[in-house]
Amino acid sequence: MANDSPFGVFDVRKLIPILSALYVICPIDFIPDVIPVFGWVDDVVAIIIGVKALMKKHSTP
């Protein structure tokens, strides 16, 4: 079987909160932060995605 590994199967969804946090602190953005309101929108979306993924990961047994 494929799940015979003692370490289990790596779940890529575990990386979503980490990647969203790295995106927020990274100086390279889709929309530059120097644009007052629109520059922060992509950071807020990344934070929301990371928090939702983290909550979903911890709510399921």
C-alpha atoms as a PDB file:
ATOM      1  CA  MET A   1       0.000   0.000   0.000  1.00  0.00           C
ATOM      2  CA  ALA A   2       1.038   3.607  -0.469  1.00  0.00           C
ATOM      3  CA  ASN A   3       0.539   4.528   3.211  1.00  0.00           C
ATOM      4  CA  ASP A   4       2.984   1.947   4.574  1.00  0.00           C
ATOM      5  CA  SER A   5       5.577   4.634   5.302  1.00  0.00           C
ATOM      6  CA  PRO A   6       6.239   5.138   9.026  1.00  0.00           C
ATOM      7  CA  PHE A   7       6.346   8.884   8.433  1.00  0.00           C
ATOM      8  CA  GLY A   8       2.941   9.095   6.751  1.00  0.00           C
ATOM      9  CA  VAL A   9       2.031  11.080   3.682  1.00  0.00           C
ATOM     10  CA  PHE A  10       3.042  14.737   3.522  1.00  0.00           C
ATOM     11  CA  ASP A  11       0.063  17.044   3.195  1.00  0.00           C
ATOM     12  CA  VAL A  12       0.757  20.136   1.104  1.00  0.00           C
ATOM     13  CA  ARG A  13      -2.074  21.993   2.853  1.00  0.00           C
ATOM     14  CA  LYS A  14       0.174  22.264   5.906  1.00  0.00           C
ATOM     15  CA  LEU A  15       2.335  24.716   3.972  1.00  0.00           C
ATOM     16  CA  ILE A  16      -0.449  27.233   3.241  1.00  0.00           C
ATOM     17  CA  PRO A  17      -0.226  29.135   6.569  1.00  0.00           C
ATOM     18  CA  ILE A  18       3.568  29.244   6.349  1.00  0.00           C
ATOM     19  CA  LEU A  19       3.568  30.405   2.735  1.00  0.00           C
ATOM     20  CA  SER A  20       0.974  33.093   3.409  1.00  0.00           C
ATOM     21  CA  ALA A  21       3.057  34.441   6.312  1.00  0.00           C
ATOM     22  CA  LEU A  22       6.159  34.467   4.112  1.00  0.00           C
ATOM     23  CA  TYR A  23       4.248  36.345   1.409  1.00  0.00           C
ATOM     24  CA  VAL A  24       3.210  39.039   3.865  1.00  0.00           C
ATOM     25  CA  ILE A  25       6.770  39.661   5.094  1.00  0.00           C
ATOM     26  CA  CYS A  26       8.328  39.352   1.621  1.00  0.00           C
ATOM     27  CA  PRO A  27       9.106  42.729   0.029  1.00  0.00           C
ATOM     28  CA  ILE A  28       7.927  41.538  -3.401  1.00  0.00           C
ATOM     29  CA  ASP A  29       4.138  41.771  -3.822  1.00  0.00           C
ATOM     30  CA  PHE A  30       1.625  41.523  -6.649  1.00  0.00           C
ATOM     31  CA  ILE A  31       0.503  45.055  -5.786  1.00  0.00           C
ATOM     32  CA  PRO A  32       3.276  47.246  -4.295  1.00  0.00           C
ATOM     33  CA  ASP A  33       2.719  48.415  -0.716  1.00  0.00           C
ATOM     34  CA  VAL A  34       3.561  52.004  -1.652  1.00  0.00           C
ATOM     35  CA  ILE A  35       0.049  52.328  -3.120  1.00  0.00           C
ATOM     36  CA  PRO A  36      -1.828  53.320   0.070  1.00  0.00           C
ATOM     37  CA  VAL A  37      -4.905  51.089   0.194  1.00  0.00           C
ATOM     38  CA  PHE A  38      -4.599  48.743  -2.752  1.00  0.00           C
ATOM     39  CA  GLY A  39      -1.070  47.760  -1.801  1.00  0.00           C
ATOM     40  CA  TRP A  40      -2.276  46.203   1.438  1.00  0.00           C
ATOM     41  CA  VAL A  41      -5.196  44.291  -0.092  1.00  0.00           C
ATOM     42  CA  ASP A  42      -3.063  41.389  -1.304  1.00  0.00           C
ATOM     43  CA  ASP A  43      -1.414  41.136   2.124  1.00  0.00           C
ATOM     44  CA  VAL A  44      -4.797  41.028   3.863  1.00  0.00           C
ATOM     45  CA  VAL A  45      -6.004  38.342   1.444  1.00  0.00           C
ATOM     46  CA  ALA A  46      -2.878  36.274   2.135  1.00  0.00           C
ATOM     47  CA  ILE A  47      -3.445  36.589   5.888  1.00  0.00           C
ATOM     48  CA  ILE A  48      -7.099  35.552   5.539  1.00  0.00           C
ATOM     49  CA  ILE A  49      -6.162  32.513   3.434  1.00  0.00           C
ATOM     50  CA  GLY A  50      -3.476  31.489   5.931  1.00  0.00           C
ATOM     51  CA  VAL A  51      -5.750  31.865   8.968  1.00  0.00           C
ATOM     52  CA  LYS A  52      -8.578  29.936   7.296  1.00  0.00           C
ATOM     53  CA  ALA A  53      -6.198  27.123   6.365  1.00  0.00           C
ATOM     54  CA  LEU A  54      -4.793  27.067   9.890  1.00  0.00           C
ATOM     55  CA  MET A  55      -8.281  26.968  11.441  1.00  0.00           C
ATOM     56  CA  LYS A  56      -9.374  24.207   9.054  1.00  0.00           C
ATOM     57  CA  LYS A  57      -6.249  22.186   9.854  1.00  0.00           C
ATOM     58  CA  HIS A  58      -6.830  22.385  13.587  1.00  0.00           C
ATOM     59  CA  SER A  59     -10.600  21.861  13.507  1.00  0.00           C
ATOM     60  CA  THR A  60     -10.453  18.464  11.797  1.00  0.00           C
ATOM     61  CA  PRO A  61      -9.308  15.488  13.883  1.00  0.00           C
END
